[in-house]
Amino acid sequence: MENEPLHNLLADDDENDRLIFKEAFAELKIKTVVGTVNDGIQLMERLHDSTIPLPDLLFLDLNMPRKNGLECLKEIRGNEKLKEISIAIYSTSDNKKDLEETFLNGANIYVIKPNSFNRLKMALEKALMTTYHYQDKEMNRENFLLLV
């Protein structure tokens, strides 16, 4: 895995967020491949496409049209083929209900979208490290909300 790039996927309906996300990953010193989809329907189609590798880490926006992030999270966790994907909720929401609901439905980490490019880079790097550190351990509320 050391020489292999980490495959990351962002599901977010905001075009600017997708562009900035890819730019931030490009500046990290971690070898990555970053893909994006526009909504939950595209996400699920991509995850079920056997010609595309599954992501190591999926960044999932909650508020998307057609199929929202929570619906996708539940569908992924209910699918034997997909349920082991690490999922970082990536949202502007800091609502306790969203945090609780995504935690209970199996998200690995919750990232509130940062308001600056440098904070975004720090958040992405921290999300990668935190997710892989806790990947095989029991999920823990104290580690769920990623703060930068």
N, C-alpha and C. Protein backbone atom coordinates (compact mmCIF):
# COMPACT_ATOMS: atom_id res chain seq x y z
N MET A 1 0.82 -1.20 0.00
CA MET A 1 0.00 0.00 0.00
C MET A 1 0.86 1.26 0.00
N GLU A 2 2.10 1.17 0.48
CA GLU A 2 2.94 2.37 0.56
C GLU A 2 3.16 3.02 -0.79
N ASN A 3 3.31 2.22 -1.85
CA ASN A 3 3.56 2.79 -3.17
C ASN A 3 2.29 3.04 -3.96
N GLU A 4 1.21 2.48 -3.51
CA GLU A 4 -0.06 2.65 -4.20
C GLU A 4 -0.73 3.95 -3.76
N PRO A 5 -1.30 4.69 -4.69
CA PRO A 5 -2.02 5.91 -4.28
C PRO A 5 -3.31 5.54 -3.55
N LEU A 6 -3.72 6.41 -2.65
CA LEU A 6 -4.99 6.24 -1.96
C LEU A 6 -6.09 6.76 -2.88
N HIS A 7 -7.12 5.97 -3.06
CA HIS A 7 -8.24 6.37 -3.91
C HIS A 7 -9.29 7.04 -3.04
N ASN A 8 -9.56 8.31 -3.35
CA ASN A 8 -10.54 9.09 -2.61
C ASN A 8 -11.64 9.51 -3.57
N LEU A 9 -12.84 9.57 -3.06
CA LEU A 9 -13.98 9.96 -3.87
C LEU A 9 -14.81 10.97 -3.09
N LEU A 10 -15.19 12.05 -3.76
CA LEU A 10 -16.05 13.06 -3.16
C LEU A 10 -17.40 13.04 -3.85
N ALA A 11 -18.46 12.92 -3.06
CA ALA A 11 -19.83 13.06 -3.57
C ALA A 11 -20.36 14.38 -3.05
N ASP A 12 -20.49 15.36 -3.95
CA ASP A 12 -20.92 16.71 -3.55
C ASP A 12 -21.55 17.39 -4.76
N ASP A 13 -22.71 18.00 -4.57
CA ASP A 13 -23.40 18.63 -5.69
C ASP A 13 -22.86 20.01 -6.03
N ASP A 14 -22.01 20.59 -5.19
CA ASP A 14 -21.47 21.93 -5.42
C ASP A 14 -20.19 21.85 -6.25
N GLU A 15 -20.25 22.39 -7.48
CA GLU A 15 -19.11 22.31 -8.40
C GLU A 15 -17.86 22.98 -7.83
N ASN A 16 -18.01 24.13 -7.18
CA ASN A 16 -16.86 24.81 -6.58
C ASN A 16 -16.23 23.98 -5.47
N ASP A 17 -17.05 23.37 -4.65
CA ASP A 17 -16.53 22.50 -3.59
C ASP A 17 -15.73 21.34 -4.17
N ARG A 18 -16.22 20.76 -5.26
CA ARG A 18 -15.50 19.64 -5.90
C ARG A 18 -14.16 20.10 -6.44
N LEU A 19 -14.13 21.27 -7.07
CA LEU A 19 -12.89 21.80 -7.64
C LEU A 19 -11.86 22.11 -6.56
N ILE A 20 -12.28 22.80 -5.51
CA ILE A 20 -11.38 23.16 -4.41
C ILE A 20 -10.89 21.91 -3.70
N PHE A 21 -11.75 20.94 -3.54
CA PHE A 21 -11.39 19.67 -2.91
C PHE A 21 -10.25 19.01 -3.68
N LYS A 22 -10.39 18.92 -5.01
CA LYS A 22 -9.35 18.31 -5.84
C LYS A 22 -8.04 19.10 -5.77
N GLU A 23 -8.14 20.43 -5.78
CA GLU A 23 -6.95 21.28 -5.68
C GLU A 23 -6.24 21.07 -4.35
N ALA A 24 -7.00 20.97 -3.27
CA ALA A 24 -6.40 20.76 -1.95
C ALA A 24 -5.68 19.41 -1.89
N PHE A 25 -6.30 18.37 -2.41
CA PHE A 25 -5.65 17.06 -2.42
C PHE A 25 -4.37 17.08 -3.25
N ALA A 26 -4.38 17.84 -4.35
CA ALA A 26 -3.19 17.92 -5.21
C ALA A 26 -2.00 18.53 -4.47
N GLU A 27 -2.26 19.36 -3.48
CA GLU A 27 -1.19 20.00 -2.73
C GLU A 27 -0.70 19.19 -1.53
N LEU A 28 -1.39 18.12 -1.19
CA LEU A 28 -0.95 17.29 -0.07
C LEU A 28 0.25 16.44 -0.49
N LYS A 29 1.05 16.05 0.47
CA LYS A 29 2.22 15.24 0.19
C LYS A 29 1.89 13.74 0.24
N ILE A 30 0.62 13.44 0.10
CA ILE A 30 0.16 12.05 0.12
C ILE A 30 -0.23 11.69 -1.30
N LYS A 31 0.24 10.55 -1.76
CA LYS A 31 -0.05 10.09 -3.12
C LYS A 31 -1.52 9.64 -3.18
N THR A 32 -2.31 10.39 -3.95
CA THR A 32 -3.75 10.10 -4.01
C THR A 32 -4.28 10.16 -5.44
N VAL A 33 -5.39 9.51 -5.63
CA VAL A 33 -6.20 9.65 -6.83
C VAL A 33 -7.55 10.14 -6.31
N VAL A 34 -8.06 11.23 -6.89
CA VAL A 34 -9.30 11.82 -6.41
C VAL A 34 -10.34 11.83 -7.52
N GLY A 35 -11.48 11.25 -7.23
CA GLY A 35 -12.60 11.29 -8.15
C GLY A 35 -13.74 12.06 -7.51
N THR A 36 -14.66 12.51 -8.34
CA THR A 36 -15.83 13.23 -7.82
C THR A 36 -17.09 12.79 -8.56
N VAL A 37 -18.20 12.88 -7.86
CA VAL A 37 -19.51 12.69 -8.45
C VAL A 37 -20.40 13.82 -7.96
N ASN A 38 -21.49 14.09 -8.70
CA ASN A 38 -22.34 15.26 -8.45
C ASN A 38 -23.48 15.02 -7.47
N ASP A 39 -23.86 13.78 -7.26
CA ASP A 39 -25.00 13.51 -6.37
C ASP A 39 -25.00 12.05 -5.95
N GLY A 40 -25.97 11.71 -5.12
CA GLY A 40 -26.06 10.36 -4.58
C GLY A 40 -26.36 9.29 -5.62
N ILE A 41 -27.13 9.62 -6.64
CA ILE A 41 -27.43 8.65 -7.70
C ILE A 41 -26.14 8.30 -8.44
N GLN A 42 -25.37 9.32 -8.84
CA GLN A 42 -24.10 9.08 -9.53
C GLN A 42 -23.15 8.29 -8.63
N LEU A 43 -23.15 8.62 -7.35
CA LEU A 43 -22.28 7.91 -6.40
C LEU A 43 -22.59 6.43 -6.40
N MET A 44 -23.83 6.08 -6.22
CA MET A 44 -24.19 4.67 -6.12
C MET A 44 -23.95 3.94 -7.44
N GLU A 45 -24.19 4.61 -8.57
CA GLU A 45 -23.89 4.00 -9.87
C GLU A 45 -22.40 3.72 -9.98
N ARG A 46 -21.58 4.67 -9.55
CA ARG A 46 -20.12 4.48 -9.62
C ARG A 46 -19.66 3.35 -8.70
N LEU A 47 -20.20 3.31 -7.49
CA LEU A 47 -19.78 2.27 -6.55
C LEU A 47 -20.17 0.88 -7.04
N HIS A 48 -21.24 0.78 -7.82
CA HIS A 48 -21.69 -0.51 -8.35
C HIS A 48 -21.05 -0.85 -9.69
N ASP A 49 -20.24 0.05 -10.25
CA ASP A 49 -19.55 -0.19 -11.53
C ASP A 49 -18.27 -0.97 -11.25
N SER A 50 -18.26 -2.24 -11.62
CA SER A 50 -17.12 -3.11 -11.30
C SER A 50 -15.85 -2.76 -12.07
N THR A 51 -15.93 -1.86 -13.04
CA THR A 51 -14.73 -1.45 -13.79
C THR A 51 -13.97 -0.32 -13.09
N ILE A 52 -14.57 0.26 -12.05
CA ILE A 52 -13.94 1.36 -11.32
C ILE A 52 -13.59 0.87 -9.92
N PRO A 53 -12.32 1.06 -9.49
CA PRO A 53 -11.97 0.60 -8.14
C PRO A 53 -12.76 1.34 -7.07
N LEU A 54 -13.09 0.63 -6.01
CA LEU A 54 -13.78 1.26 -4.89
C LEU A 54 -12.83 2.23 -4.20
N PRO A 55 -13.35 3.31 -3.66
CA PRO A 55 -12.48 4.28 -2.98
C PRO A 55 -11.98 3.71 -1.65
N ASP A 56 -10.78 4.16 -1.27
CA ASP A 56 -10.28 3.85 0.07
C ASP A 56 -11.03 4.70 1.08
N LEU A 57 -11.35 5.93 0.68
CA LEU A 57 -12.08 6.84 1.55
C LEU A 57 -13.08 7.63 0.71
N LEU A 58 -14.32 7.62 1.14
CA LEU A 58 -15.40 8.35 0.48
C LEU A 58 -15.76 9.56 1.32
N PHE A 59 -15.69 10.75 0.73
CA PHE A 59 -16.14 11.98 1.37
C PHE A 59 -17.56 12.22 0.89
N LEU A 60 -18.50 12.26 1.81
CA LEU A 60 -19.91 12.25 1.46
C LEU A 60 -20.63 13.48 2.00
N ASP A 61 -21.07 14.34 1.08
CA ASP A 61 -21.87 15.50 1.46
C ASP A 61 -23.26 15.00 1.86
N LEU A 62 -23.85 15.64 2.86
CA LEU A 62 -25.19 15.22 3.30
C LEU A 62 -26.30 15.78 2.44
N ASN A 63 -26.18 17.04 2.04
CA ASN A 63 -27.26 17.74 1.35
C ASN A 63 -27.03 17.73 -0.15
N MET A 64 -27.52 16.67 -0.80
CA MET A 64 -27.41 16.55 -2.25
C MET A 64 -28.79 16.28 -2.82
N PRO A 65 -29.00 16.69 -4.07
CA PRO A 65 -30.30 16.40 -4.71
C PRO A 65 -30.39 14.93 -5.12
N ARG A 66 -31.58 14.52 -5.44
CA ARG A 66 -31.92 13.19 -5.94
C ARG A 66 -31.74 12.09 -4.89
N LYS A 67 -30.60 11.98 -4.26
CA LYS A 67 -30.38 11.03 -3.16
C LYS A 67 -29.38 11.69 -2.23
N ASN A 68 -29.78 11.92 -0.99
CA ASN A 68 -28.89 12.64 -0.08
C ASN A 68 -27.83 11.72 0.54
N GLY A 69 -26.91 12.33 1.25
CA GLY A 69 -25.79 11.59 1.82
C GLY A 69 -26.19 10.54 2.84
N LEU A 70 -27.19 10.85 3.66
CA LEU A 70 -27.63 9.87 4.65
C LEU A 70 -28.23 8.63 3.97
N GLU A 71 -29.01 8.84 2.92
CA GLU A 71 -29.56 7.71 2.17
C GLU A 71 -28.44 6.86 1.59
N CYS A 72 -27.42 7.53 1.04
CA CYS A 72 -26.28 6.80 0.47
C CYS A 72 -25.53 6.03 1.55
N LEU A 73 -25.30 6.67 2.70
CA LEU A 73 -24.61 6.03 3.82
C LEU A 73 -25.33 4.74 4.23
N LYS A 74 -26.63 4.82 4.38
CA LYS A 74 -27.41 3.65 4.78
C LYS A 74 -27.32 2.55 3.71
N GLU A 75 -27.41 2.94 2.45
CA GLU A 75 -27.34 1.96 1.36
C GLU A 75 -25.97 1.29 1.31
N ILE A 76 -24.92 2.08 1.48
CA ILE A 76 -23.56 1.53 1.45
C ILE A 76 -23.35 0.56 2.61
N ARG A 77 -23.74 0.96 3.80
CA ARG A 77 -23.54 0.10 4.98
C ARG A 77 -24.40 -1.16 4.93
N GLY A 78 -25.46 -1.13 4.15
CA GLY A 78 -26.32 -2.30 4.02
C GLY A 78 -25.92 -3.23 2.88
N ASN A 79 -24.84 -2.91 2.18
CA ASN A 79 -24.41 -3.69 1.02
C ASN A 79 -23.11 -4.42 1.35
N GLU A 80 -23.10 -5.74 1.27
CA GLU A 80 -21.92 -6.54 1.61
C GLU A 80 -20.68 -6.10 0.84
N LYS A 81 -20.83 -5.80 -0.44
CA LYS A 81 -19.69 -5.42 -1.28
C LYS A 81 -19.12 -4.05 -0.90
N LEU A 82 -19.96 -3.16 -0.39
CA LEU A 82 -19.55 -1.78 -0.16
C LEU A 82 -19.34 -1.42 1.31
N LYS A 83 -19.83 -2.22 2.23
CA LYS A 83 -19.91 -1.80 3.62
C LYS A 83 -18.57 -1.53 4.30
N GLU A 84 -17.46 -2.00 3.73
CA GLU A 84 -16.15 -1.78 4.35
C GLU A 84 -15.49 -0.47 3.90
N ILE A 85 -16.11 0.27 2.98
CA ILE A 85 -15.55 1.55 2.54
C ILE A 85 -15.53 2.51 3.72
N SER A 86 -14.39 3.18 3.92
CA SER A 86 -14.32 4.21 4.96
C SER A 86 -15.06 5.44 4.47
N ILE A 87 -15.92 5.99 5.32
CA ILE A 87 -16.75 7.13 4.91
C ILE A 87 -16.55 8.31 5.85
N ALA A 88 -16.18 9.44 5.24
CA ALA A 88 -16.09 10.70 5.96
C ALA A 88 -17.26 11.56 5.52
N ILE A 89 -18.14 11.90 6.45
CA ILE A 89 -19.20 12.85 6.13
C ILE A 89 -18.52 14.19 5.96
N TYR A 90 -18.85 14.89 4.88
CA TYR A 90 -18.20 16.15 4.51
C TYR A 90 -19.31 17.16 4.27
N SER A 91 -19.62 17.96 5.30
CA SER A 91 -20.83 18.77 5.25
C SER A 91 -20.62 20.13 5.90
N THR A 92 -21.46 21.09 5.52
CA THR A 92 -21.45 22.40 6.18
C THR A 92 -22.22 22.32 7.50
N SER A 93 -23.00 21.27 7.68
CA SER A 93 -23.85 21.14 8.87
C SER A 93 -23.05 20.75 10.11
N ASP A 94 -23.28 21.50 11.19
CA ASP A 94 -22.73 21.10 12.49
C ASP A 94 -23.88 20.72 13.44
N ASN A 95 -25.01 20.40 12.84
CA ASN A 95 -26.21 20.02 13.57
C ASN A 95 -25.99 18.71 14.34
N LYS A 96 -26.29 18.71 15.62
CA LYS A 96 -26.09 17.52 16.46
C LYS A 96 -26.88 16.32 15.94
N LYS A 97 -28.06 16.58 15.39
CA LYS A 97 -28.87 15.49 14.83
C LYS A 97 -28.14 14.82 13.66
N ASP A 98 -27.52 15.63 12.78
CA ASP A 98 -26.77 15.07 11.66
C ASP A 98 -25.57 14.26 12.15
N LEU A 99 -24.87 14.79 13.15
CA LEU A 99 -23.73 14.07 13.72
C LEU A 99 -24.18 12.72 14.30
N GLU A 100 -25.23 12.76 15.08
CA GLU A 100 -25.73 11.54 15.73
C GLU A 100 -26.20 10.52 14.70
N GLU A 101 -26.99 10.98 13.74
CA GLU A 101 -27.57 10.08 12.75
C GLU A 101 -26.49 9.43 11.88
N THR A 102 -25.50 10.21 11.47
CA THR A 102 -24.44 9.63 10.62
C THR A 102 -23.54 8.70 11.42
N PHE A 103 -23.29 9.03 12.69
CA PHE A 103 -22.51 8.14 13.55
C PHE A 103 -23.23 6.80 13.71
N LEU A 104 -24.51 6.86 14.05
CA LEU A 104 -25.29 5.64 14.27
C LEU A 104 -25.44 4.80 13.01
N ASN A 105 -25.35 5.43 11.85
CA ASN A 105 -25.49 4.70 10.58
C ASN A 105 -24.16 4.28 9.98
N GLY A 106 -23.07 4.46 10.74
CA GLY A 106 -21.81 3.84 10.35
C GLY A 106 -20.77 4.69 9.68
N ALA A 107 -20.93 6.02 9.65
CA ALA A 107 -19.85 6.85 9.10
C ALA A 107 -18.63 6.73 10.00
N ASN A 108 -17.45 6.84 9.42
CA ASN A 108 -16.21 6.71 10.20
C ASN A 108 -15.80 8.01 10.86
N ILE A 109 -16.08 9.12 10.18
CA ILE A 109 -15.63 10.42 10.68
C ILE A 109 -16.54 11.50 10.11
N TYR A 110 -16.61 12.63 10.77
CA TYR A 110 -17.46 13.74 10.34
C TYR A 110 -16.58 14.98 10.21
N VAL A 111 -16.54 15.54 9.00
CA VAL A 111 -15.73 16.73 8.73
C VAL A 111 -16.67 17.88 8.37
N ILE A 112 -16.61 18.95 9.15
CA ILE A 112 -17.36 20.15 8.80
C ILE A 112 -16.52 20.91 7.78
N LYS A 113 -17.12 21.24 6.64
CA LYS A 113 -16.36 21.89 5.56
C LYS A 113 -15.66 23.14 6.08
N PRO A 114 -14.34 23.18 5.96
CA PRO A 114 -13.58 24.35 6.42
C PRO A 114 -13.86 25.57 5.55
N ASN A 115 -13.62 26.77 6.12
CA ASN A 115 -13.89 28.00 5.39
C ASN A 115 -12.65 28.62 4.76
N SER A 116 -11.52 27.90 4.76
CA SER A 116 -10.32 28.40 4.07
C SER A 116 -9.61 27.22 3.41
N PHE A 117 -8.84 27.53 2.39
CA PHE A 117 -8.13 26.50 1.64
C PHE A 117 -7.11 25.78 2.52
N ASN A 118 -6.37 26.52 3.34
CA ASN A 118 -5.37 25.89 4.21
C ASN A 118 -6.02 24.97 5.24
N ARG A 119 -7.14 25.41 5.79
CA ARG A 119 -7.86 24.55 6.74
C ARG A 119 -8.40 23.31 6.04
N LEU A 120 -8.82 23.46 4.79
CA LEU A 120 -9.29 22.31 4.03
C LEU A 120 -8.17 21.29 3.86
N LYS A 121 -6.99 21.75 3.50
CA LYS A 121 -5.85 20.83 3.34
C LYS A 121 -5.55 20.11 4.66
N MET A 122 -5.57 20.86 5.76
CA MET A 122 -5.33 20.24 7.07
C MET A 122 -6.42 19.22 7.39
N ALA A 123 -7.67 19.58 7.09
CA ALA A 123 -8.79 18.67 7.39
C ALA A 123 -8.69 17.40 6.56
N LEU A 124 -8.34 17.52 5.28
CA LEU A 124 -8.25 16.33 4.43
C LEU A 124 -7.13 15.41 4.90
N GLU A 125 -6.00 15.99 5.21
CA GLU A 125 -4.88 15.19 5.69
C GLU A 125 -5.23 14.50 7.02
N LYS A 126 -5.84 15.25 7.91
CA LYS A 126 -6.23 14.70 9.21
C LYS A 126 -7.30 13.62 9.03
N ALA A 127 -8.23 13.83 8.11
CA ALA A 127 -9.27 12.84 7.84
C ALA A 127 -8.65 11.53 7.35
N LEU A 128 -7.70 11.63 6.45
CA LEU A 128 -7.03 10.42 5.95
C LEU A 128 -6.34 9.68 7.09
N MET A 129 -5.56 10.40 7.87
CA MET A 129 -4.81 9.78 8.96
C MET A 129 -5.75 9.20 10.03
N THR A 130 -6.75 9.96 10.42
CA THR A 130 -7.67 9.51 11.46
C THR A 130 -8.47 8.29 11.01
N THR A 131 -8.96 8.33 9.79
CA THR A 131 -9.76 7.22 9.28
C THR A 131 -8.94 5.94 9.24
N TYR A 132 -7.72 6.01 8.76
CA TYR A 132 -6.91 4.81 8.67
C TYR A 132 -6.43 4.34 10.04
N HIS A 133 -6.21 5.26 10.94
CA HIS A 133 -5.79 4.90 12.29
C HIS A 133 -6.88 4.12 13.01
N TYR A 134 -8.13 4.54 12.83
CA TYR A 134 -9.25 3.92 13.55
C TYR A 134 -10.01 2.90 12.71
N GLN A 135 -9.50 2.58 11.53
CA GLN A 135 -10.23 1.73 10.60
C GLN A 135 -10.64 0.38 11.21
N ASP A 136 -9.75 -0.26 11.93
CA ASP A 136 -10.04 -1.59 12.46
C ASP A 136 -10.47 -1.56 13.92
N LYS A 137 -10.63 -0.38 14.48
CA LYS A 137 -11.00 -0.27 15.88
C LYS A 137 -12.48 0.05 16.00
N GLU A 138 -12.99 -0.17 17.19
CA GLU A 138 -14.38 0.17 17.50
C GLU A 138 -14.58 1.67 17.29
N MET A 139 -15.68 2.05 16.65
CA MET A 139 -15.94 3.47 16.44
C MET A 139 -16.20 4.13 17.79
N ASN A 140 -15.81 5.38 17.87
CA ASN A 140 -15.80 6.09 19.13
C ASN A 140 -16.30 7.51 18.90
N ARG A 141 -17.24 7.96 19.67
CA ARG A 141 -17.80 9.30 19.49
C ARG A 141 -16.74 10.39 19.65
N GLU A 142 -15.78 10.19 20.53
CA GLU A 142 -14.75 11.22 20.76
C GLU A 142 -13.89 11.45 19.52
N ASN A 143 -13.75 10.44 18.68
CA ASN A 143 -12.93 10.57 17.47
C ASN A 143 -13.76 10.87 16.23
N PHE A 144 -15.06 10.94 16.37
CA PHE A 144 -15.94 11.04 15.20
C PHE A 144 -15.91 12.43 14.55
N LEU A 145 -16.06 13.48 15.32
CA LEU A 145 -16.05 14.85 14.77
C LEU A 145 -14.61 15.31 14.63
N LEU A 146 -14.19 15.55 13.40
CA LEU A 146 -12.83 16.00 13.14
C LEU A 146 -12.78 17.51 13.25
N LEU A 147 -11.94 18.00 14.11
CA LEU A 147 -11.80 19.45 14.29
C LEU A 147 -10.44 19.90 13.79
N VAL A 148 -10.42 21.01 13.07
CA VAL A 148 -9.16 21.59 12.58
C VAL A 148 -9.02 23.01 13.04
